[in-house]
Every structure is written in structure tokens, then in C-alpha cells.
Amino acid sequence: MPTEIKGGFNIAMKVPSHQYEAVISFYRDVVGLPPFDEKAPAMGFVLGPNRLWIDEVPNYSQAEIWLELFTGDHEKALDHLAANGVVRCDAVEDLGEGFRGGWIMNPANIVHLVREPDAW
């Protein structure tokens, strides 16, 4: 049986530079979500039980949404996903030495971070 995989808390919106300030203003000033900046320069907003991170990406032409999945054993989960034809895409963003997770794409090319949470 594969390791358990469940939804995480983080949603990343990768936004081109030419749209970044307008997107920040939309969530902060128009929608009124509570902001936070724990991981500056990324700007975050409380989105119910989730965290919406707005990342400025100068070389993008349009915004993308990236999702997070939690697992108790990232290697087992990533092996299970690969065995089922899921595309690994670790080159999209460096996670650093020793990070317990990796990047995948769903069939619609939506990036997902599969990782072991800080607390399970």
C-alpha cells in the first residue's frame, strides 16, 4: 500500500512582475485578506485554513498556481507517483539540500510540492 498523501496548507501563486503589485493590492485592499510576510520577499495572505503565497516571477508571462501535498514518507510517495506515470519536475525551484520532498506536475501541468510536513 502506498504512503498516505493528503492536502497541504500552502498555495503559491507565481505572478509576473507586471502584475505583481496589482495582485497584492487585490488580495490586501479589495478582498481584505489578512497579510503576512514571514518569508519576504514573498507576500502571504491568510486564506481560511490555507496560506496563499504571492511570489513575483520576472520571467513569467502569466500567473500559475502551485499546490502542496503532505506525506509521511516523501521518497515512498514520490516513488508511488512516478510508478503511476506522474512527471517529476524538480528543476522548477531549488528546495535546498536535505529538503524532504520534491516537485511533480499533474496531467494539466499544475505544479505540486510533495513534502513531509514539519509536524504530521
PDB file of N, CA and C in Angstrom:
ATOM      1  N   MET A   1       0.848  -1.186   0.000  1.00  0.00           N
ATOM      2  CA  MET A   1       0.000   0.000   0.000  1.00  0.00           C
ATOM      3  C   MET A   1       0.891   1.246   0.000  1.00  0.00           C
ATOM      4  N   PRO A   2       0.559   2.241  -0.835  1.00  0.00           N
ATOM      5  CA  PRO A   2       1.389   3.452  -0.885  1.00  0.00           C
ATOM      6  C   PRO A   2       1.255   4.272   0.392  1.00  0.00           C
ATOM      7  N   THR A   3       2.253   5.101   0.628  1.00  0.00           N
ATOM      8  CA  THR A   3       2.198   6.007   1.765  1.00  0.00           C
ATOM      9  C   THR A   3       1.047   6.986   1.600  1.00  0.00           C
ATOM     10  N   GLU A   4       0.505   7.460   2.698  1.00  0.00           N
ATOM     11  CA  GLU A   4      -0.612   8.405   2.647  1.00  0.00           C
ATOM     12  C   GLU A   4      -0.156   9.749   2.084  1.00  0.00           C
ATOM     13  N   ILE A   5      -0.975  10.306   1.222  1.00  0.00           N
ATOM     14  CA  ILE A   5      -0.749  11.644   0.669  1.00  0.00           C
ATOM     15  C   ILE A   5      -2.020  12.440   0.928  1.00  0.00           C
ATOM     16  N   LYS A   6      -1.860  13.654   1.475  1.00  0.00           N
ATOM     17  CA  LYS A   6      -3.034  14.490   1.714  1.00  0.00           C
ATOM     18  C   LYS A   6      -2.705  15.944   1.409  1.00  0.00           C
ATOM     19  N   GLY A   7      -3.718  16.771   1.332  1.00  0.00           N
ATOM     20  CA  GLY A   7      -3.543  18.174   1.009  1.00  0.00           C
ATOM     21  C   GLY A   7      -2.750  18.919   2.063  1.00  0.00           C
ATOM     22  N   GLY A   8      -1.916  19.849   1.599  1.00  0.00           N
ATOM     23  CA  GLY A   8      -1.143  20.691   2.495  1.00  0.00           C
ATOM     24  C   GLY A   8      -1.850  22.002   2.753  1.00  0.00           C
ATOM     25  N   PHE A   9      -1.129  22.952   3.332  1.00  0.00           N
ATOM     26  CA  PHE A   9      -1.702  24.238   3.713  1.00  0.00           C
ATOM     27  C   PHE A   9      -1.364  25.355   2.737  1.00  0.00           C
ATOM     28  N   ASN A  10      -0.299  25.184   1.956  1.00  0.00           N
ATOM     29  CA  ASN A  10       0.231  26.277   1.150  1.00  0.00           C
ATOM     30  C   ASN A  10      -0.228  26.217  -0.297  1.00  0.00           C
ATOM     31  N   ILE A  11      -0.594  27.386  -0.804  1.00  0.00           N
ATOM     32  CA  ILE A  11      -0.915  27.581  -2.211  1.00  0.00           C
ATOM     33  C   ILE A  11      -0.010  28.717  -2.679  1.00  0.00           C
ATOM     34  N   ALA A  12       0.768  28.477  -3.715  1.00  0.00           N
ATOM     35  CA  ALA A  12       1.650  29.520  -4.239  1.00  0.00           C
ATOM     36  C   ALA A  12       1.088  30.034  -5.559  1.00  0.00           C
ATOM     37  N   MET A  13       1.002  31.347  -5.669  1.00  0.00           N
ATOM     38  CA  MET A  13       0.620  31.970  -6.922  1.00  0.00           C
ATOM     39  C   MET A  13       1.875  32.654  -7.460  1.00  0.00           C
ATOM     40  N   LYS A  14       2.396  32.143  -8.549  1.00  0.00           N
ATOM     41  CA  LYS A  14       3.572  32.708  -9.198  1.00  0.00           C
ATOM     42  C   LYS A  14       3.076  33.756 -10.185  1.00  0.00           C
ATOM     43  N   VAL A  15       3.434  35.033  -9.939  1.00  0.00           N
ATOM     44  CA  VAL A  15       2.846  36.154 -10.681  1.00  0.00           C
ATOM     45  C   VAL A  15       3.943  36.927 -11.414  1.00  0.00           C
ATOM     46  N   PRO A  16       3.734  37.243 -12.698  1.00  0.00           N
ATOM     47  CA  PRO A  16       4.710  38.054 -13.429  1.00  0.00           C
ATOM     48  C   PRO A  16       4.877  39.430 -12.785  1.00  0.00           C
ATOM     49  N   SER A  17       6.054  40.006 -12.942  1.00  0.00           N
ATOM     50  CA  SER A  17       6.357  41.310 -12.345  1.00  0.00           C
ATOM     51  C   SER A  17       5.351  42.384 -12.725  1.00  0.00           C
ATOM     52  N   HIS A  18       4.901  42.376 -13.982  1.00  0.00           N
ATOM     53  CA  HIS A  18       3.995  43.432 -14.432  1.00  0.00           C
ATOM     54  C   HIS A  18       2.601  43.337 -13.801  1.00  0.00           C
ATOM     55  N   GLN A  19       2.294  42.238 -13.104  1.00  0.00           N
ATOM     56  CA  GLN A  19       1.000  42.074 -12.452  1.00  0.00           C
ATOM     57  C   GLN A  19       1.109  41.986 -10.929  1.00  0.00           C
ATOM     58  N   TYR A  20       2.321  41.898 -10.420  1.00  0.00           N
ATOM     59  CA  TYR A  20       2.552  41.595  -9.009  1.00  0.00           C
ATOM     60  C   TYR A  20       1.878  42.593  -8.063  1.00  0.00           C
ATOM     61  N   GLU A  21       2.147  43.884  -8.197  1.00  0.00           N
ATOM     62  CA  GLU A  21       1.592  44.885  -7.273  1.00  0.00           C
ATOM     63  C   GLU A  21       0.069  44.911  -7.329  1.00  0.00           C
ATOM     64  N   ALA A  22      -0.510  44.752  -8.510  1.00  0.00           N
ATOM     65  CA  ALA A  22      -1.971  44.742  -8.642  1.00  0.00           C
ATOM     66  C   ALA A  22      -2.579  43.521  -7.938  1.00  0.00           C
ATOM     67  N   VAL A  23      -1.908  42.385  -8.021  1.00  0.00           N
ATOM     68  CA  VAL A  23      -2.399  41.172  -7.359  1.00  0.00           C
ATOM     69  C   VAL A  23      -2.316  41.331  -5.841  1.00  0.00           C
ATOM     70  N   ILE A  24      -1.197  41.860  -5.349  1.00  0.00           N
ATOM     71  CA  ILE A  24      -1.054  42.112  -3.912  1.00  0.00           C
ATOM     72  C   ILE A  24      -2.163  43.054  -3.441  1.00  0.00           C
ATOM     73  N   SER A  25      -2.366  44.143  -4.167  1.00  0.00           N
ATOM     74  CA  SER A  25      -3.403  45.114  -3.819  1.00  0.00           C
ATOM     75  C   SER A  25      -4.792  44.480  -3.836  1.00  0.00           C
ATOM     76  N   PHE A  26      -5.047  43.606  -4.798  1.00  0.00           N
ATOM     77  CA  PHE A  26      -6.344  42.938  -4.892  1.00  0.00           C
ATOM     78  C   PHE A  26      -6.644  42.155  -3.620  1.00  0.00           C
ATOM     79  N   TYR A  27      -5.720  41.290  -3.202  1.00  0.00           N
ATOM     80  CA  TYR A  27      -5.972  40.460  -2.023  1.00  0.00           C
ATOM     81  C   TYR A  27      -5.944  41.270  -0.723  1.00  0.00           C
ATOM     82  N   ARG A  28      -5.083  42.268  -0.644  1.00  0.00           N
ATOM     83  CA  ARG A  28      -4.953  43.081   0.571  1.00  0.00           C
ATOM     84  C   ARG A  28      -6.050  44.142   0.675  1.00  0.00           C
ATOM     85  N   ASP A  29      -6.223  44.950  -0.377  1.00  0.00           N
ATOM     86  CA  ASP A  29      -7.076  46.139  -0.312  1.00  0.00           C
ATOM     87  C   ASP A  29      -8.511  45.911  -0.778  1.00  0.00           C
ATOM     88  N   VAL A  30      -8.701  45.059  -1.779  1.00  0.00           N
ATOM     89  CA  VAL A  30     -10.041  44.831  -2.315  1.00  0.00           C
ATOM     90  C   VAL A  30     -10.736  43.689  -1.579  1.00  0.00           C
ATOM     91  N   VAL A  31     -10.083  42.525  -1.520  1.00  0.00           N
ATOM     92  CA  VAL A  31     -10.677  41.370  -0.846  1.00  0.00           C
ATOM     93  C   VAL A  31     -10.564  41.512   0.669  1.00  0.00           C
ATOM     94  N   GLY A  32      -9.449  42.076   1.150  1.00  0.00           N
ATOM     95  CA  GLY A  32      -9.269  42.287   2.581  1.00  0.00           C
ATOM     96  C   GLY A  32      -8.729  41.101   3.353  1.00  0.00           C
ATOM     97  N   LEU A  33      -7.990  40.217   2.657  1.00  0.00           N
ATOM     98  CA  LEU A  33      -7.392  39.081   3.372  1.00  0.00           C
ATOM     99  C   LEU A  33      -6.271  39.571   4.287  1.00  0.00           C
ATOM    100  N   PRO A  34      -6.112  38.982   5.466  1.00  0.00           N
ATOM    101  CA  PRO A  34      -5.031  39.371   6.366  1.00  0.00           C
ATOM    102  C   PRO A  34      -3.667  38.994   5.756  1.00  0.00           C
ATOM    103  N   PRO A  35      -2.765  39.974   5.602  1.00  0.00           N
ATOM    104  CA  PRO A  35      -1.449  39.692   5.018  1.00  0.00           C
ATOM    105  C   PRO A  35      -0.432  39.251   6.074  1.00  0.00           C
ATOM    106  N   PHE A  36       0.635  38.601   5.613  1.00  0.00           N
ATOM    107  CA  PHE A  36       1.792  38.308   6.450  1.00  0.00           C
ATOM    108  C   PHE A  36       3.014  38.242   5.556  1.00  0.00           C
ATOM    109  N   ASP A  37       4.189  38.441   6.134  1.00  0.00           N
ATOM    110  CA  ASP A  37       5.421  38.453   5.328  1.00  0.00           C
ATOM    111  C   ASP A  37       6.528  37.630   5.982  1.00  0.00           C
ATOM    112  N   GLU A  38       6.175  36.450   6.480  1.00  0.00           N
ATOM    113  CA  GLU A  38       7.118  35.553   7.138  1.00  0.00           C
ATOM    114  C   GLU A  38       8.291  35.162   6.238  1.00  0.00           C
ATOM    115  N   LYS A  39       8.056  35.106   4.947  1.00  0.00           N
ATOM    116  CA  LYS A  39       9.082  34.645   4.010  1.00  0.00           C
ATOM    117  C   LYS A  39       9.319  35.688   2.925  1.00  0.00           C
ATOM    118  N   ALA A  40       9.524  36.941   3.365  1.00  0.00           N
ATOM    119  CA  ALA A  40       9.786  38.024   2.418  1.00  0.00           C
ATOM    120  C   ALA A  40      10.963  37.641   1.527  1.00  0.00           C
ATOM    121  N   PRO A  41      10.941  37.957   0.249  1.00  0.00           N
ATOM    122  CA  PRO A  41      10.064  38.947  -0.371  1.00  0.00           C
ATOM    123  C   PRO A  41       8.691  38.423  -0.777  1.00  0.00           C
ATOM    124  N   ALA A  42       8.421  37.120  -0.608  1.00  0.00           N
ATOM    125  CA  ALA A  42       7.084  36.619  -0.918  1.00  0.00           C
ATOM    126  C   ALA A  42       6.080  37.232   0.045  1.00  0.00           C
ATOM    127  N   MET A  43       4.930  37.586  -0.477  1.00  0.00           N
ATOM    128  CA  MET A  43       3.858  38.140   0.346  1.00  0.00           C
ATOM    129  C   MET A  43       2.819  37.059   0.529  1.00  0.00           C
ATOM    130  N   GLY A  44       2.327  36.896   1.752  1.00  0.00           N
ATOM    131  CA  GLY A  44       1.338  35.873   2.025  1.00  0.00           C
ATOM    132  C   GLY A  44       0.043  36.457   2.537  1.00  0.00           C
ATOM    133  N   PHE A  45      -1.016  35.682   2.381  1.00  0.00           N
ATOM    134  CA  PHE A  45      -2.330  36.053   2.886  1.00  0.00           C
ATOM    135  C   PHE A  45      -2.978  34.836   3.522  1.00  0.00           C
ATOM    136  N   VAL A  46      -3.713  35.077   4.608  1.00  0.00           N
ATOM    137  CA  VAL A  46      -4.481  34.012   5.245  1.00  0.00           C
ATOM    138  C   VAL A  46      -5.704  33.756   4.361  1.00  0.00           C
ATOM    139  N   LEU A  47      -5.843  32.531   3.905  1.00  0.00           N
ATOM    140  CA  LEU A  47      -6.939  32.131   3.024  1.00  0.00           C
ATOM    141  C   LEU A  47      -7.686  30.994   3.724  1.00  0.00           C
ATOM    142  N   GLY A  48      -8.501  31.352   4.714  1.00  0.00           N
ATOM    143  CA  GLY A  48      -9.155  30.334   5.539  1.00  0.00           C
ATOM    144  C   GLY A  48      -8.097  29.522   6.250  1.00  0.00           C
ATOM    145  N   PRO A  49      -8.172  28.188   6.160  1.00  0.00           N
ATOM    146  CA  PRO A  49      -7.156  27.351   6.813  1.00  0.00           C
ATOM    147  C   PRO A  49      -5.850  27.270   6.015  1.00  0.00           C
ATOM    148  N   ASN A  50      -5.806  27.904   4.866  1.00  0.00           N
ATOM    149  CA  ASN A  50      -4.649  27.840   3.984  1.00  0.00           C
ATOM    150  C   ASN A  50      -3.836  29.120   4.014  1.00  0.00           C
ATOM    151  N   ARG A  51      -2.652  29.040   3.427  1.00  0.00           N
ATOM    152  CA  ARG A  51      -1.778  30.188   3.232  1.00  0.00           C
ATOM    153  C   ARG A  51      -1.611  30.387   1.729  1.00  0.00           C
ATOM    154  N   LEU A  52      -1.952  31.580   1.259  1.00  0.00           N
ATOM    155  CA  LEU A  52      -1.788  31.937  -0.151  1.00  0.00           C
ATOM    156  C   LEU A  52      -0.530  32.781  -0.260  1.00  0.00           C
ATOM    157  N   TRP A  53       0.475  32.264  -0.940  1.00  0.00           N
ATOM    158  CA  TRP A  53       1.743  32.966  -1.136  1.00  0.00           C
ATOM    159  C   TRP A  53       1.753  33.566  -2.530  1.00  0.00           C
ATOM    160  N   ILE A  54       2.073  34.859  -2.606  1.00  0.00           N
ATOM    161  CA  ILE A  54       2.177  35.533  -3.899  1.00  0.00           C
ATOM    162  C   ILE A  54       3.662  35.766  -4.157  1.00  0.00           C
ATOM    163  N   ASP A  55       4.203  35.067  -5.145  1.00  0.00           N
ATOM    164  CA  ASP A  55       5.623  35.152  -5.488  1.00  0.00           C
ATOM    165  C   ASP A  55       5.785  35.917  -6.796  1.00  0.00           C
ATOM    166  N   GLU A  56       6.640  36.945  -6.793  1.00  0.00           N
ATOM    167  CA  GLU A  56       6.942  37.673  -8.025  1.00  0.00           C
ATOM    168  C   GLU A  56       7.955  36.870  -8.838  1.00  0.00           C
ATOM    169  N   VAL A  57       7.614  36.636 -10.112  1.00  0.00           N
ATOM    170  CA  VAL A  57       8.482  35.873 -11.002  1.00  0.00           C
ATOM    171  C   VAL A  57       8.683  36.687 -12.281  1.00  0.00           C
ATOM    172  N   PRO A  58       9.823  37.381 -12.388  1.00  0.00           N
ATOM    173  CA  PRO A  58      10.052  38.306 -13.509  1.00  0.00           C
ATOM    174  C   PRO A  58       9.977  37.674 -14.894  1.00  0.00           C
ATOM    175  N   ASN A  59      10.341  36.409 -15.034  1.00  0.00           N
ATOM    176  CA  ASN A  59      10.404  35.808 -16.370  1.00  0.00           C
ATOM    177  C   ASN A  59       9.110  35.099 -16.783  1.00  0.00           C
ATOM    178  N   TYR A  60       8.036  35.227 -16.015  1.00  0.00           N
ATOM    179  CA  TYR A  60       6.764  34.613 -16.377  1.00  0.00           C
ATOM    180  C   TYR A  60       5.924  35.602 -17.193  1.00  0.00           C
ATOM    181  N   SER A  61       5.105  35.070 -18.105  1.00  0.00           N
ATOM    182  CA  SER A  61       4.198  35.921 -18.876  1.00  0.00           C
ATOM    183  C   SER A  61       2.775  35.859 -18.328  1.00  0.00           C
ATOM    184  N   GLN A  62       2.469  34.840 -17.537  1.00  0.00           N
ATOM    185  CA  GLN A  62       1.152  34.716 -16.918  1.00  0.00           C
ATOM    186  C   GLN A  62       1.294  34.014 -15.576  1.00  0.00           C
ATOM    187  N   ALA A  63       0.298  34.173 -14.738  1.00  0.00           N
ATOM    188  CA  ALA A  63       0.336  33.598 -13.394  1.00  0.00           C
ATOM    189  C   ALA A  63       0.133  32.079 -13.442  1.00  0.00           C
ATOM    190  N   GLU A  64       0.672  31.411 -12.426  1.00  0.00           N
ATOM    191  CA  GLU A  64       0.486  29.971 -12.234  1.00  0.00           C
ATOM    192  C   GLU A  64       0.120  29.728 -10.784  1.00  0.00           C
ATOM    193  N   ILE A  65      -0.617  28.662 -10.536  1.00  0.00           N
ATOM    194  CA  ILE A  65      -0.923  28.220  -9.181  1.00  0.00           C
ATOM    195  C   ILE A  65      -0.136  26.939  -8.914  1.00  0.00           C
ATOM    196  N   TRP A  66       0.527  26.893  -7.773  1.00  0.00           N
ATOM    197  CA  TRP A  66       1.259  25.703  -7.329  1.00  0.00           C
ATOM    198  C   TRP A  66       0.641  25.231  -6.024  1.00  0.00           C
ATOM    199  N   LEU A  67       0.451  23.924  -5.873  1.00  0.00           N
ATOM    200  CA  LEU A  67      -0.208  23.350  -4.703  1.00  0.00           C
ATOM    201  C   LEU A  67       0.759  22.495  -3.889  1.00  0.00           C
ATOM    202  N   GLU A  68       0.365  22.198  -2.658  1.00  0.00           N
ATOM    203  CA  GLU A  68       1.205  21.431  -1.743  1.00  0.00           C
ATOM    204  C   GLU A  68       0.473  20.166  -1.311  1.00  0.00           C
ATOM    205  N   LEU A  69       1.209  19.052  -1.279  1.00  0.00           N
ATOM    206  CA  LEU A  69       0.705  17.788  -0.755  1.00  0.00           C
ATOM    207  C   LEU A  69       1.626  17.328   0.366  1.00  0.00           C
ATOM    208  N   PHE A  70       1.035  16.793   1.431  1.00  0.00           N
ATOM    209  CA  PHE A  70       1.813  16.276   2.563  1.00  0.00           C
ATOM    210  C   PHE A  70       1.841  14.758   2.535  1.00  0.00           C
ATOM    211  N   THR A  71       2.947  14.204   3.012  1.00  0.00           N
ATOM    212  CA  THR A  71       3.100  12.763   3.151  1.00  0.00           C
ATOM    213  C   THR A  71       4.053  12.483   4.307  1.00  0.00           C
ATOM    214  N   GLY A  72       3.910  11.326   4.910  1.00  0.00           N
ATOM    215  CA  GLY A  72       4.801  10.943   5.998  1.00  0.00           C
ATOM    216  C   GLY A  72       6.143  10.427   5.514  1.00  0.00           C
ATOM    217  N   ASP A  73       6.227  10.034   4.239  1.00  0.00           N
ATOM    218  CA  ASP A  73       7.467   9.488   3.664  1.00  0.00           C
ATOM    219  C   ASP A  73       7.565   9.971   2.221  1.00  0.00           C
ATOM    220  N   HIS A  74       8.297  11.072   2.011  1.00  0.00           N
ATOM    221  CA  HIS A  74       8.322  11.687   0.678  1.00  0.00           C
ATOM    222  C   HIS A  74       8.934  10.770  -0.377  1.00  0.00           C
ATOM    223  N   GLU A  75       9.950  10.000  -0.022  1.00  0.00           N
ATOM    224  CA  GLU A  75      10.570   9.115  -1.021  1.00  0.00           C
ATOM    225  C   GLU A  75       9.601   8.040  -1.481  1.00  0.00           C
ATOM    226  N   LYS A  76       8.888   7.437  -0.538  1.00  0.00           N
ATOM    227  CA  LYS A  76       7.906   6.407  -0.883  1.00  0.00           C
ATOM    228  C   LYS A  76       6.768   7.009  -1.713  1.00  0.00           C
ATOM    229  N   ALA A  77       6.304   8.197  -1.325  1.00  0.00           N
ATOM    230  CA  ALA A  77       5.216   8.847  -2.058  1.00  0.00           C
ATOM    231  C   ALA A  77       5.643   9.218  -3.476  1.00  0.00           C
ATOM    232  N   LEU A  78       6.840   9.785  -3.614  1.00  0.00           N
ATOM    233  CA  LEU A  78       7.324  10.165  -4.946  1.00  0.00           C
ATOM    234  C   LEU A  78       7.565   8.942  -5.817  1.00  0.00           C
ATOM    235  N   ASP A  79       8.027   7.841  -5.231  1.00  0.00           N
ATOM    236  CA  ASP A  79       8.183   6.589  -5.983  1.00  0.00           C
ATOM    237  C   ASP A  79       6.828   6.073  -6.457  1.00  0.00           C
ATOM    238  N   HIS A  80       5.827   6.117  -5.578  1.00  0.00           N
ATOM    239  CA  HIS A  80       4.472   5.690  -5.935  1.00  0.00           C
ATOM    240  C   HIS A  80       3.924   6.536  -7.089  1.00  0.00           C
ATOM    241  N   LEU A  81       4.101   7.844  -6.991  1.00  0.00           N
ATOM    242  CA  LEU A  81       3.614   8.735  -8.043  1.00  0.00           C
ATOM    243  C   LEU A  81       4.325   8.474  -9.366  1.00  0.00           C
ATOM    244  N   ALA A  82       5.649   8.300  -9.316  1.00  0.00           N
ATOM    245  CA  ALA A  82       6.419   8.010 -10.537  1.00  0.00           C
ATOM    246  C   ALA A  82       5.975   6.694 -11.163  1.00  0.00           C
ATOM    247  N   ALA A  83       5.710   5.693 -10.326  1.00  0.00           N
ATOM    248  CA  ALA A  83       5.261   4.391 -10.833  1.00  0.00           C
ATOM    249  C   ALA A  83       3.905   4.500 -11.524  1.00  0.00           C
ATOM    250  N   ASN A  84       3.179   5.567 -11.242  1.00  0.00           N
ATOM    251  CA  ASN A  84       1.881   5.785 -11.861  1.00  0.00           C
ATOM    252  C   ASN A  84       1.925   6.848 -12.951  1.00  0.00           C
ATOM    253  N   GLY A  85       3.127   7.115 -13.459  1.00  0.00           N
ATOM    254  CA  GLY A  85       3.290   7.984 -14.613  1.00  0.00           C
ATOM    255  C   GLY A  85       3.304   9.475 -14.321  1.00  0.00           C
ATOM    256  N   VAL A  86       3.407   9.863 -13.056  1.00  0.00           N
ATOM    257  CA  VAL A  86       3.426  11.276 -12.703  1.00  0.00           C
ATOM    258  C   VAL A  86       4.795  11.867 -13.040  1.00  0.00           C
ATOM    259  N   VAL A  87       4.794  13.043 -13.639  1.00  0.00           N
ATOM    260  CA  VAL A  87       6.017  13.708 -14.087  1.00  0.00           C
ATOM    261  C   VAL A  87       6.682  14.424 -12.918  1.00  0.00           C
ATOM    262  N   ARG A  88       7.969  14.136 -12.702  1.00  0.00           N
ATOM    263  CA  ARG A  88       8.772  14.884 -11.725  1.00  0.00           C
ATOM    264  C   ARG A  88       9.289  16.144 -12.408  1.00  0.00           C
ATOM    265  N   CYS A  89       9.351  17.232 -11.657  1.00  0.00           N
ATOM    266  CA  CYS A  89       9.824  18.496 -12.228  1.00  0.00           C
ATOM    267  C   CYS A  89      10.656  19.258 -11.205  1.00  0.00           C
ATOM    268  N   ASP A  90      11.634  18.602 -10.612  1.00  0.00           N
ATOM    269  CA  ASP A  90      12.438  19.187  -9.545  1.00  0.00           C
ATOM    270  C   ASP A  90      13.213  20.427  -9.977  1.00  0.00           C
ATOM    271  N   ALA A  91      13.389  20.630 -11.262  1.00  0.00           N
ATOM    272  CA  ALA A  91      14.145  21.793 -11.731  1.00  0.00           C
ATOM    273  C   ALA A  91      13.349  23.102 -11.634  1.00  0.00           C
ATOM    274  N   VAL A  92      12.042  23.051 -11.339  1.00  0.00           N
ATOM    275  CA  VAL A  92      11.256  24.290 -11.313  1.00  0.00           C
ATOM    276  C   VAL A  92      11.685  25.244 -10.210  1.00  0.00           C
ATOM    277  N   GLU A  93      12.159  24.700  -9.085  1.00  0.00           N
ATOM    278  CA  GLU A  93      12.610  25.543  -7.972  1.00  0.00           C
ATOM    279  C   GLU A  93      13.463  24.705  -7.033  1.00  0.00           C
ATOM    280  N   ASP A  94      14.628  25.222  -6.691  1.00  0.00           N
ATOM    281  CA  ASP A  94      15.554  24.524  -5.803  1.00  0.00           C
ATOM    282  C   ASP A  94      14.981  24.473  -4.389  1.00  0.00           C
ATOM    283  N   LEU A  95      14.905  23.283  -3.833  1.00  0.00           N
ATOM    284  CA  LEU A  95      14.384  23.117  -2.483  1.00  0.00           C
ATOM    285  C   LEU A  95      15.486  23.086  -1.432  1.00  0.00           C
ATOM    286  N   GLY A  96      16.715  23.055  -1.866  1.00  0.00           N
ATOM    287  CA  GLY A  96      17.824  23.064  -0.919  1.00  0.00           C
ATOM    288  C   GLY A  96      18.208  21.674  -0.447  1.00  0.00           C
ATOM    289  N   GLU A  97      19.427  21.584  -0.005  1.00  0.00           N
ATOM    290  CA  GLU A  97      19.998  20.331   0.490  1.00  0.00           C
ATOM    291  C   GLU A  97      19.208  19.809   1.685  1.00  0.00           C
ATOM    292  N   GLY A  98      18.848  18.549   1.647  1.00  0.00           N
ATOM    293  CA  GLY A  98      18.194  17.919   2.785  1.00  0.00           C
ATOM    294  C   GLY A  98      16.699  18.142   2.895  1.00  0.00           C
ATOM    295  N   PHE A  99      16.102  18.887   1.951  1.00  0.00           N
ATOM    296  CA  PHE A  99      14.652  19.091   1.999  1.00  0.00           C
ATOM    297  C   PHE A  99      13.958  17.762   1.772  1.00  0.00           C
ATOM    298  N   ARG A 100      12.961  17.454   2.545  1.00  0.00           N
ATOM    299  CA  ARG A 100      12.251  16.173   2.464  1.00  0.00           C
ATOM    300  C   ARG A 100      11.025  16.300   1.561  1.00  0.00           C
ATOM    301  N   GLY A 101      11.286  16.382   0.247  1.00  0.00           N
ATOM    302  CA  GLY A 101      10.194  16.497  -0.701  1.00  0.00           C
ATOM    303  C   GLY A 101      10.698  16.697  -2.110  1.00  0.00           C
ATOM    304  N   GLY A 102       9.771  16.868  -3.027  1.00  0.00           N
ATOM    305  CA  GLY A 102      10.109  17.093  -4.419  1.00  0.00           C
ATOM    306  C   GLY A 102       8.912  17.649  -5.171  1.00  0.00           C
ATOM    307  N   TRP A 103       9.179  18.066  -6.396  1.00  0.00           N
ATOM    308  CA  TRP A 103       8.166  18.682  -7.250  1.00  0.00           C
ATOM    309  C   TRP A 103       7.617  17.685  -8.258  1.00  0.00           C
ATOM    310  N   ILE A 104       6.307  17.744  -8.500  1.00  0.00           N
ATOM    311  CA  ILE A 104       5.642  16.943  -9.537  1.00  0.00           C
ATOM    312  C   ILE A 104       4.686  17.853 -10.301  1.00  0.00           C
ATOM    313  N   MET A 105       4.173  17.340 -11.429  1.00  0.00           N
ATOM    314  CA  MET A 105       3.110  18.019 -12.175  1.00  0.00           C
ATOM    315  C   MET A 105       1.942  17.059 -12.356  1.00  0.00           C
ATOM    316  N   ASN A 106       0.733  17.604 -12.249  1.00  0.00           N
ATOM    317  CA  ASN A 106      -0.435  16.783 -12.548  1.00  0.00           C
ATOM    318  C   ASN A 106      -0.618  16.745 -14.074  1.00  0.00           C
ATOM    319  N   PRO A 107      -1.593  15.986 -14.588  1.00  0.00           N
ATOM    320  CA  PRO A 107      -1.761  15.896 -16.042  1.00  0.00           C
ATOM    321  C   PRO A 107      -2.063  17.222 -16.740  1.00  0.00           C
ATOM    322  N   ALA A 108      -2.507  18.243 -15.989  1.00  0.00           N
ATOM    323  CA  ALA A 108      -2.769  19.557 -16.579  1.00  0.00           C
ATOM    324  C   ALA A 108      -1.587  20.510 -16.366  1.00  0.00           C
ATOM    325  N   ASN A 109      -0.437  19.964 -15.979  1.00  0.00           N
ATOM    326  CA  ASN A 109       0.800  20.723 -15.761  1.00  0.00           C
ATOM    327  C   ASN A 109       0.727  21.709 -14.599  1.00  0.00           C
ATOM    328  N   ILE A 110      -0.062  21.399 -13.588  1.00  0.00           N
ATOM    329  CA  ILE A 110      -0.083  22.191 -12.358  1.00  0.00           C
ATOM    330  C   ILE A 110       0.990  21.616 -11.440  1.00  0.00           C
ATOM    331  N   VAL A 111       1.893  22.487 -10.974  1.00  0.00           N
ATOM    332  CA  VAL A 111       2.996  22.063 -10.129  1.00  0.00           C
ATOM    333  C   VAL A 111       2.484  21.781  -8.715  1.00  0.00           C
ATOM    334  N   HIS A 112       2.988  20.696  -8.124  1.00  0.00           N
ATOM    335  CA  HIS A 112       2.681  20.320  -6.743  1.00  0.00           C
ATOM    336  C   HIS A 112       3.989  20.052  -6.008  1.00  0.00           C
ATOM    337  N   LEU A 113       4.079  20.535  -4.793  1.00  0.00           N
ATOM    338  CA  LEU A 113       5.178  20.183  -3.903  1.00  0.00           C
ATOM    339  C   LEU A 113       4.701  19.026  -3.042  1.00  0.00           C
ATOM    340  N   VAL A 114       5.394  17.884  -3.130  1.00  0.00           N
ATOM    341  CA  VAL A 114       5.094  16.728  -2.291  1.00  0.00           C
ATOM    342  C   VAL A 114       6.167  16.708  -1.218  1.00  0.00           C
ATOM    343  N   ARG A 115       5.752  16.875   0.043  1.00  0.00           N
ATOM    344  CA  ARG A 115       6.750  17.002   1.098  1.00  0.00           C
ATOM    345  C   ARG A 115       6.268  16.436   2.416  1.00  0.00           C
ATOM    346  N   GLU A 116       7.240  16.176   3.271  1.00  0.00           N
ATOM    347  CA  GLU A 116       6.936  15.811   4.640  1.00  0.00           C
ATOM    348  C   GLU A 116       6.718  17.117   5.409  1.00  0.00           C
ATOM    349  N   PRO A 117       5.587  17.237   6.105  1.00  0.00           N
ATOM    350  CA  PRO A 117       5.331  18.482   6.843  1.00  0.00           C
ATOM    351  C   PRO A 117       6.248  18.590   8.065  1.00  0.00           C
ATOM    352  N   ASP A 118       6.334  19.790   8.597  1.00  0.00           N
ATOM    353  CA  ASP A 118       7.127  19.986   9.800  1.00  0.00           C
ATOM    354  C   ASP A 118       6.563  19.183  10.956  1.00  0.00           C
ATOM    355  N   ALA A 119       5.257  19.060  11.031  1.00  0.00           N
ATOM    356  CA  ALA A 119       4.592  18.215  12.025  1.00  0.00           C
ATOM    357  C   ALA A 119       3.455  17.462  11.329  1.00  0.00           C
ATOM    358  N   TRP A 120       3.385  16.189  11.469  1.00  0.00           N
ATOM    359  CA  TRP A 120       2.391  15.366  10.762  1.00  0.00           C
ATOM    360  C   TRP A 120       1.151  15.293  11.546  1.00  0.00           C
TER     361      TRP A 120
END
